[in-house]
């Protein structure tokens, strides 16, 4: 949810923006202001994500106001004067709304703000931290960080997990590698996949990790050596 305020010295303009914001489900309009000093005091205590800002204000222009705010909020300028557009975009404004604007035009500007907000604040997919596998007629969710190593057993894999019993799943090594983060796990032997973070030391083509010794297969030695050095 994008937290926003609006600043405009004309009450009808404030009412219009408030009404338009109420129709957009990803914007929460916290407060409206008609004075720059009140808006500035508010921002010093309650940073927001987005400001709908009129340029033609009586005591301080919206351009000067935006230059002086204490946070990096996005801004959508609103004004009845098209000549200010260049100045607005020079301040990296999300958009510039020329009064009077329609709801459709307002929504377009809001969507631009949403895209920028999502770019700056990416939401991490919770599933990206876990391995989901089926074993014993159940689905199991294993944190990647808990995997000690994975051992190949013919048509099965044995997933060795920290502080719990190993889990045996019917899966190929190739299929398992496709489920694991490419930069965090590597196959070092026809029968072993290991997490880089668990490696304690490497000596004589043997990897020590989690109290175990994992051999490095001859066909995997070159790729492992290259990635391990990097």
C-alpha atoms as a PDB file:
ATOM      1  CA  UNK A   1       0.000   0.000   0.000  1.00  0.00           C
ATOM      2  CA  UNK A   2       1.411   3.369  -1.073  1.00  0.00           C
ATOM      3  CA  UNK A   3       1.140   5.953   1.712  1.00  0.00           C
ATOM      4  CA  UNK A   4       0.340   9.396   0.309  1.00  0.00           C
ATOM      5  CA  UNK A   5      -0.536  12.982   1.129  1.00  0.00           C
ATOM      6  CA  UNK A   6      -1.751  15.817  -1.069  1.00  0.00           C
ATOM      7  CA  UNK A   7      -0.891  19.509  -0.876  1.00  0.00           C
ATOM      8  CA  UNK A   8      -2.959  22.120  -2.686  1.00  0.00           C
ATOM      9  CA  UNK A   9      -4.181  25.586  -1.653  1.00  0.00           C
ATOM     10  CA  UNK A  10      -7.533  25.045  -3.387  1.00  0.00           C
ATOM     11  CA  UNK A  11     -10.082  23.008  -1.324  1.00  0.00           C
ATOM     12  CA  UNK A  12     -11.943  21.752  -4.444  1.00  0.00           C
ATOM     13  CA  UNK A  13      -8.683  20.285  -5.778  1.00  0.00           C
ATOM     14  CA  UNK A  14      -8.082  18.522  -2.462  1.00  0.00           C
ATOM     15  CA  UNK A  15     -11.564  17.042  -2.569  1.00  0.00           C
ATOM     16  CA  UNK A  16     -11.078  15.774  -6.112  1.00  0.00           C
ATOM     17  CA  UNK A  17      -7.781  14.058  -5.311  1.00  0.00           C
ATOM     18  CA  UNK A  18      -9.229  12.587  -2.115  1.00  0.00           C
ATOM     19  CA  UNK A  19     -12.139  11.196  -4.100  1.00  0.00           C
ATOM     20  CA  UNK A  20      -9.909   9.756  -6.805  1.00  0.00           C
ATOM     21  CA  UNK A  21      -7.541   8.174  -4.259  1.00  0.00           C
ATOM     22  CA  UNK A  22     -10.486   6.477  -2.538  1.00  0.00           C
ATOM     23  CA  UNK A  23     -11.154   4.601  -5.779  1.00  0.00           C
ATOM     24  CA  UNK A  24      -7.622   3.212  -6.069  1.00  0.00           C
ATOM     25  CA  UNK A  25      -6.961   0.197  -3.888  1.00  0.00           C
ATOM     26  CA  UNK A  26      -3.177   0.541  -3.673  1.00  0.00           C
ATOM     27  CA  UNK A  27      -3.051   4.154  -2.449  1.00  0.00           C
ATOM     28  CA  UNK A  28      -3.898   5.240   1.095  1.00  0.00           C
ATOM     29  CA  UNK A  29      -4.245   9.020   1.370  1.00  0.00           C
ATOM     30  CA  UNK A  30      -3.149   9.818   4.911  1.00  0.00           C
ATOM     31  CA  UNK A  31      -3.881  13.543   5.005  1.00  0.00           C
ATOM     32  CA  UNK A  32      -4.587  16.583   2.853  1.00  0.00           C
ATOM     33  CA  UNK A  33      -2.893  19.965   3.335  1.00  0.00           C
ATOM     34  CA  UNK A  34      -3.541  23.472   2.070  1.00  0.00           C
ATOM     35  CA  UNK A  35      -0.422  25.015   3.684  1.00  0.00           C
ATOM     36  CA  UNK A  36       3.184  24.151   2.927  1.00  0.00           C
ATOM     37  CA  UNK A  37       4.395  24.648   6.520  1.00  0.00           C
ATOM     38  CA  UNK A  38       1.849  22.174   7.895  1.00  0.00           C
ATOM     39  CA  UNK A  39       2.740  19.632   5.227  1.00  0.00           C
ATOM     40  CA  UNK A  40       6.456  20.061   5.945  1.00  0.00           C
ATOM     41  CA  UNK A  41       5.949  19.535   9.686  1.00  0.00           C
ATOM     42  CA  UNK A  42       3.959  16.399   8.958  1.00  0.00           C
ATOM     43  CA  UNK A  43       6.635  14.957   6.676  1.00  0.00           C
ATOM     44  CA  UNK A  44       9.304  15.521   9.297  1.00  0.00           C
ATOM     45  CA  UNK A  45       7.449  13.109  11.567  1.00  0.00           C
ATOM     46  CA  UNK A  46       5.568  10.864   9.152  1.00  0.00           C
ATOM     47  CA  UNK A  47       7.468  10.063   5.959  1.00  0.00           C
ATOM     48  CA  UNK A  48       5.247   9.042   3.052  1.00  0.00           C
ATOM     49  CA  UNK A  49       5.751   7.279  -0.269  1.00  0.00           C
ATOM     50  CA  UNK A  50       3.928   9.691  -2.568  1.00  0.00           C
ATOM     51  CA  UNK A  51       2.918  13.366  -2.655  1.00  0.00           C
ATOM     52  CA  UNK A  52       0.280  14.864  -4.925  1.00  0.00           C
ATOM     53  CA  UNK A  53       1.661  18.372  -5.088  1.00  0.00           C
ATOM     54  CA  UNK A  54       0.269  21.585  -6.536  1.00  0.00           C
ATOM     55  CA  UNK A  55       2.977  23.782  -8.035  1.00  0.00           C
ATOM     56  CA  UNK A  56       1.274  27.169  -7.641  1.00  0.00           C
ATOM     57  CA  UNK A  57       1.217  27.661  -3.872  1.00  0.00           C
ATOM     58  CA  UNK A  58       1.047  31.138  -2.261  1.00  0.00           C
ATOM     59  CA  UNK A  59       3.942  31.022   0.226  1.00  0.00           C
ATOM     60  CA  UNK A  60       6.258  28.503  -1.460  1.00  0.00           C
ATOM     61  CA  UNK A  61       6.019  26.920  -4.878  1.00  0.00           C
ATOM     62  CA  UNK A  62       5.460  23.198  -5.056  1.00  0.00           C
ATOM     63  CA  UNK A  63       8.810  22.868  -6.840  1.00  0.00           C
ATOM     64  CA  UNK A  64      10.674  24.560  -3.961  1.00  0.00           C
ATOM     65  CA  UNK A  65       8.674  22.563  -1.438  1.00  0.00           C
ATOM     66  CA  UNK A  66       9.643  19.268  -3.064  1.00  0.00           C
ATOM     67  CA  UNK A  67      13.298  20.289  -3.170  1.00  0.00           C
ATOM     68  CA  UNK A  68      13.239  20.886   0.592  1.00  0.00           C
ATOM     69  CA  UNK A  69      11.382  17.834   1.918  1.00  0.00           C
ATOM     70  CA  UNK A  70      13.363  15.605   4.295  1.00  0.00           C
ATOM     71  CA  UNK A  71      12.647  12.295   2.539  1.00  0.00           C
ATOM     72  CA  UNK A  72      12.717  10.787  -0.933  1.00  0.00           C
ATOM     73  CA  UNK A  73       8.993  10.545  -1.565  1.00  0.00           C
ATOM     74  CA  UNK A  74       7.709  10.172  -5.099  1.00  0.00           C
ATOM     75  CA  UNK A  75       5.825  13.177  -6.431  1.00  0.00           C
ATOM     76  CA  UNK A  76       3.006  13.744  -8.904  1.00  0.00           C
ATOM     77  CA  UNK A  77       2.729  17.450  -9.659  1.00  0.00           C
ATOM     78  CA  UNK A  78      -0.667  19.039 -10.259  1.00  0.00           C
ATOM     79  CA  UNK A  79      -1.133  22.489 -11.753  1.00  0.00           C
ATOM     80  CA  UNK A  80      -3.237  24.528 -14.138  1.00  0.00           C
ATOM     81  CA  UNK A  81      -0.139  25.852 -15.916  1.00  0.00           C
ATOM     82  CA  UNK A  82       1.492  23.684 -18.560  1.00  0.00           C
ATOM     83  CA  UNK A  83       4.713  25.748 -18.614  1.00  0.00           C
ATOM     84  CA  UNK A  84       5.810  24.144 -15.326  1.00  0.00           C
ATOM     85  CA  UNK A  85       5.928  20.656 -16.808  1.00  0.00           C
ATOM     86  CA  UNK A  86       9.619  20.770 -17.721  1.00  0.00           C
ATOM     87  CA  UNK A  87      10.603  21.906 -14.216  1.00  0.00           C
ATOM     88  CA  UNK A  88       8.505  19.117 -12.760  1.00  0.00           C
ATOM     89  CA  UNK A  89      10.123  16.392 -14.804  1.00  0.00           C
ATOM     90  CA  UNK A  90      13.583  17.815 -14.067  1.00  0.00           C
ATOM     91  CA  UNK A  91      12.853  16.883 -10.465  1.00  0.00           C
ATOM     92  CA  UNK A  92      12.169  13.289 -11.527  1.00  0.00           C
ATOM     93  CA  UNK A  93       8.445  13.590 -10.990  1.00  0.00           C
ATOM     94  CA  UNK A  94       6.458  10.418 -11.523  1.00  0.00           C
ATOM     95  CA  UNK A  95       3.944  12.363 -13.575  1.00  0.00           C
ATOM     96  CA  UNK A  96       2.485  15.808 -14.213  1.00  0.00           C
ATOM     97  CA  UNK A  97      -1.274  16.323 -14.088  1.00  0.00           C
ATOM     98  CA  UNK A  98      -2.626  19.373 -15.839  1.00  0.00           C
ATOM     99  CA  UNK A  99      -5.826  20.663 -14.214  1.00  0.00           C
ATOM    100  CA  UNK A 100      -8.600  19.869 -14.758  1.00  0.00           C
ATOM    101  CA  UNK A 101      -7.748  16.170 -15.124  1.00  0.00           C
ATOM    102  CA  UNK A 102     -10.048  13.174 -15.405  1.00  0.00           C
ATOM    103  CA  UNK A 103     -10.106  10.132 -13.157  1.00  0.00           C
ATOM    104  CA  UNK A 104      -8.686   8.058 -16.024  1.00  0.00           C
ATOM    105  CA  UNK A 105      -5.704  10.403 -16.314  1.00  0.00           C
ATOM    106  CA  UNK A 106      -5.260  10.367 -12.535  1.00  0.00           C
ATOM    107  CA  UNK A 107      -5.354   6.558 -12.536  1.00  0.00           C
ATOM    108  CA  UNK A 108      -2.681   6.491 -15.211  1.00  0.00           C
ATOM    109  CA  UNK A 109      -0.402   8.612 -13.024  1.00  0.00           C
ATOM    110  CA  UNK A 110      -1.158   6.446  -9.993  1.00  0.00           C
ATOM    111  CA  UNK A 111      -0.203   3.322 -11.928  1.00  0.00           C
ATOM    112  CA  UNK A 112       3.132   4.911 -12.824  1.00  0.00           C
ATOM    113  CA  UNK A 113       3.717   5.547  -9.124  1.00  0.00           C
ATOM    114  CA  UNK A 114       2.809   1.950  -8.346  1.00  0.00           C
ATOM    115  CA  UNK A 115       5.291   0.620 -10.905  1.00  0.00           C
ATOM    116  CA  UNK A 116       8.075   2.800  -9.505  1.00  0.00           C
ATOM    117  CA  UNK A 117       7.193   1.870  -5.931  1.00  0.00           C
ATOM    118  CA  UNK A 118       7.290  -1.856  -6.760  1.00  0.00           C
ATOM    119  CA  UNK A 119      10.637  -1.398  -8.493  1.00  0.00           C
ATOM    120  CA  UNK A 120      12.117   0.330  -5.438  1.00  0.00           C
ATOM    121  CA  UNK A 121      10.490  -2.065  -2.975  1.00  0.00           C
ATOM    122  CA  UNK A 122      10.559  -5.536  -4.515  1.00  0.00           C
ATOM    123  CA  UNK A 123       8.522  -8.121  -2.654  1.00  0.00           C
ATOM    124  CA  UNK A 124      10.505 -11.253  -2.065  1.00  0.00           C
ATOM    125  CA  UNK A 125       8.654 -14.409  -2.940  1.00  0.00           C
ATOM    126  CA  UNK A 126       8.542 -16.550   0.257  1.00  0.00           C
ATOM    127  CA  UNK A 127       8.696 -19.682  -1.885  1.00  0.00           C
ATOM    128  CA  UNK A 128      12.138 -18.601  -3.106  1.00  0.00           C
ATOM    129  CA  UNK A 129      13.638 -19.582   0.271  1.00  0.00           C
ATOM    130  CA  UNK A 130      12.291 -23.111   0.402  1.00  0.00           C
ATOM    131  CA  UNK A 131      12.476 -26.433  -1.366  1.00  0.00           C
ATOM    132  CA  UNK A 132       9.114 -28.134  -1.769  1.00  0.00           C
ATOM    133  CA  UNK A 133       9.294 -31.918  -2.277  1.00  0.00           C
ATOM    134  CA  UNK A 134       6.953 -34.879  -1.978  1.00  0.00           C
ATOM    135  CA  UNK A 135       7.938 -37.790   0.249  1.00  0.00           C
ATOM    136  CA  UNK A 136       6.028 -40.349   2.354  1.00  0.00           C
ATOM    137  CA  UNK A 137       2.760 -39.304   0.641  1.00  0.00           C
ATOM    138  CA  UNK A 138       3.185 -35.747   1.941  1.00  0.00           C
ATOM    139  CA  UNK A 139       4.554 -32.422   0.765  1.00  0.00           C
ATOM    140  CA  UNK A 140       7.574 -31.191   2.693  1.00  0.00           C
ATOM    141  CA  UNK A 141       8.825 -27.618   2.891  1.00  0.00           C
ATOM    142  CA  UNK A 142      12.581 -27.400   3.552  1.00  0.00           C
ATOM    143  CA  UNK A 143      14.460 -24.144   4.006  1.00  0.00           C
ATOM    144  CA  UNK A 144      17.427 -24.007   1.633  1.00  0.00           C
ATOM    145  CA  UNK A 145      19.559 -22.792   4.534  1.00  0.00           C
ATOM    146  CA  UNK A 146      18.822 -26.041   6.444  1.00  0.00           C
ATOM    147  CA  UNK A 147      20.095 -28.364   3.711  1.00  0.00           C
ATOM    148  CA  UNK A 148      23.461 -29.930   4.593  1.00  0.00           C
ATOM    149  CA  UNK A 149      23.906 -31.849   1.342  1.00  0.00           C
ATOM    150  CA  UNK A 150      21.959 -34.026  -1.071  1.00  0.00           C
ATOM    151  CA  UNK A 151      22.991 -37.597  -1.799  1.00  0.00           C
ATOM    152  CA  UNK A 152      22.019 -39.597  -4.862  1.00  0.00           C
ATOM    153  CA  UNK A 153      20.776 -43.182  -4.328  1.00  0.00           C
ATOM    154  CA  UNK A 154      19.916 -44.729  -7.707  1.00  0.00           C
ATOM    155  CA  UNK A 155      16.391 -43.428  -8.447  1.00  0.00           C
ATOM    156  CA  UNK A 156      16.116 -41.649  -5.102  1.00  0.00           C
ATOM    157  CA  UNK A 157      17.722 -38.699  -3.397  1.00  0.00           C
ATOM    158  CA  UNK A 158      18.535 -38.422   0.278  1.00  0.00           C
ATOM    159  CA  UNK A 159      18.262 -34.842   1.535  1.00  0.00           C
ATOM    160  CA  UNK A 160      20.384 -34.392   4.651  1.00  0.00           C
ATOM    161  CA  UNK A 161      18.816 -31.664   6.796  1.00  0.00           C
ATOM    162  CA  UNK A 162      20.163 -29.821   9.809  1.00  0.00           C
ATOM    163  CA  UNK A 163      18.734 -30.945  13.181  1.00  0.00           C
ATOM    164  CA  UNK A 164      16.324 -33.472  11.692  1.00  0.00           C
ATOM    165  CA  UNK A 165      16.297 -36.850  10.011  1.00  0.00           C
ATOM    166  CA  UNK A 166      17.164 -37.105   6.299  1.00  0.00           C
ATOM    167  CA  UNK A 167      14.323 -37.095   3.824  1.00  0.00           C
ATOM    168  CA  UNK A 168      14.269 -39.599   0.957  1.00  0.00           C
ATOM    169  CA  UNK A 169      12.523 -38.451  -2.226  1.00  0.00           C
ATOM    170  CA  UNK A 170      12.034 -40.017  -5.639  1.00  0.00           C
ATOM    171  CA  UNK A 171      13.755 -37.555  -7.951  1.00  0.00           C
ATOM    172  CA  UNK A 172      16.751 -37.287 -10.258  1.00  0.00           C
ATOM    173  CA  UNK A 173      19.789 -35.132  -9.537  1.00  0.00           C
ATOM    174  CA  UNK A 174      19.010 -33.059 -12.640  1.00  0.00           C
ATOM    175  CA  UNK A 175      15.456 -32.363 -11.481  1.00  0.00           C
ATOM    176  CA  UNK A 176      16.719 -31.429  -8.018  1.00  0.00           C
ATOM    177  CA  UNK A 177      19.250 -28.956  -9.412  1.00  0.00           C
ATOM    178  CA  UNK A 178      16.442 -27.197 -11.249  1.00  0.00           C
ATOM    179  CA  UNK A 179      14.694 -26.602  -7.918  1.00  0.00           C
ATOM    180  CA  UNK A 180      17.746 -25.219  -6.127  1.00  0.00           C
ATOM    181  CA  UNK A 181      19.167 -21.659  -6.297  1.00  0.00           C
ATOM    182  CA  UNK A 182      21.841 -21.827  -8.986  1.00  0.00           C
ATOM    183  CA  UNK A 183      24.345 -19.637  -7.143  1.00  0.00           C
ATOM    184  CA  UNK A 184      23.929 -21.405  -3.790  1.00  0.00           C
ATOM    185  CA  UNK A 185      24.184 -25.101  -4.685  1.00  0.00           C
ATOM    186  CA  UNK A 186      26.522 -27.086  -6.923  1.00  0.00           C
ATOM    187  CA  UNK A 187      26.854 -30.673  -7.996  1.00  0.00           C
ATOM    188  CA  UNK A 188      30.353 -31.905  -7.131  1.00  0.00           C
ATOM    189  CA  UNK A 189      29.936 -35.634  -7.807  1.00  0.00           C
ATOM    190  CA  UNK A 190      27.514 -37.877  -9.651  1.00  0.00           C
ATOM    191  CA  UNK A 191      26.052 -38.634  -6.210  1.00  0.00           C
ATOM    192  CA  UNK A 192      26.348 -35.329  -4.338  1.00  0.00           C
ATOM    193  CA  UNK A 193      24.937 -31.794  -4.442  1.00  0.00           C
ATOM    194  CA  UNK A 194      26.200 -29.387  -1.793  1.00  0.00           C
ATOM    195  CA  UNK A 195      25.463 -25.807  -0.659  1.00  0.00           C
ATOM    196  CA  UNK A 196      28.427 -23.440  -1.029  1.00  0.00           C
ATOM    197  CA  UNK A 197      27.764 -21.903   2.383  1.00  0.00           C
ATOM    198  CA  UNK A 198      28.367 -25.223   4.156  1.00  0.00           C
ATOM    199  CA  UNK A 199      31.866 -25.813   2.780  1.00  0.00           C
ATOM    200  CA  UNK A 200      34.435 -25.845   5.594  1.00  0.00           C
ATOM    201  CA  UNK A 201      37.535 -26.750   3.601  1.00  0.00           C
ATOM    202  CA  UNK A 202      38.697 -28.524   0.459  1.00  0.00           C
ATOM    203  CA  UNK A 203      41.697 -30.840   0.436  1.00  0.00           C
ATOM    204  CA  UNK A 204      42.850 -33.497  -2.000  1.00  0.00           C
ATOM    205  CA  UNK A 205      39.583 -33.406  -3.927  1.00  0.00           C
ATOM    206  CA  UNK A 206      37.574 -33.910  -0.756  1.00  0.00           C
ATOM    207  CA  UNK A 207      35.137 -31.352   0.660  1.00  0.00           C
ATOM    208  CA  UNK A 208      34.539 -31.180   4.400  1.00  0.00           C
ATOM    209  CA  UNK A 209      31.125 -29.977   5.505  1.00  0.00           C
ATOM    210  CA  UNK A 210      28.723 -30.720   8.367  1.00  0.00           C
ATOM    211  CA  UNK A 211      31.042 -33.392   9.777  1.00  0.00           C
ATOM    212  CA  UNK A 212      31.090 -35.285   6.464  1.00  0.00           C
ATOM    213  CA  UNK A 213      33.626 -35.739   3.672  1.00  0.00           C
ATOM    214  CA  UNK A 214      32.234 -35.322   0.159  1.00  0.00           C
ATOM    215  CA  UNK A 215      34.384 -36.425  -2.814  1.00  0.00           C
ATOM    216  CA  UNK A 216      34.762 -34.230  -5.875  1.00  0.00           C
ATOM    217  CA  UNK A 217      34.129 -36.256  -9.037  1.00  0.00           C
ATOM    218  CA  UNK A 218      36.684 -35.911 -11.818  1.00  0.00           C
ATOM    219  CA  UNK A 219      34.080 -34.647 -14.286  1.00  0.00           C
ATOM    220  CA  UNK A 220      32.944 -31.932 -11.827  1.00  0.00           C
ATOM    221  CA  UNK A 221      36.387 -30.844 -10.631  1.00  0.00           C
ATOM    222  CA  UNK A 222      36.916 -28.072 -13.179  1.00  0.00           C
ATOM    223  CA  UNK A 223      33.494 -26.431 -12.729  1.00  0.00           C
ATOM    224  CA  UNK A 224      33.716 -26.654  -8.948  1.00  0.00           C
ATOM    225  CA  UNK A 225      37.211 -25.196  -8.880  1.00  0.00           C
ATOM    226  CA  UNK A 226      36.185 -22.262 -11.028  1.00  0.00           C
ATOM    227  CA  UNK A 227      33.096 -21.417  -8.961  1.00  0.00           C
ATOM    228  CA  UNK A 228      34.827 -21.988  -5.635  1.00  0.00           C
ATOM    229  CA  UNK A 229      37.627 -19.562  -6.533  1.00  0.00           C
ATOM    230  CA  UNK A 230      35.055 -16.951  -7.621  1.00  0.00           C
END
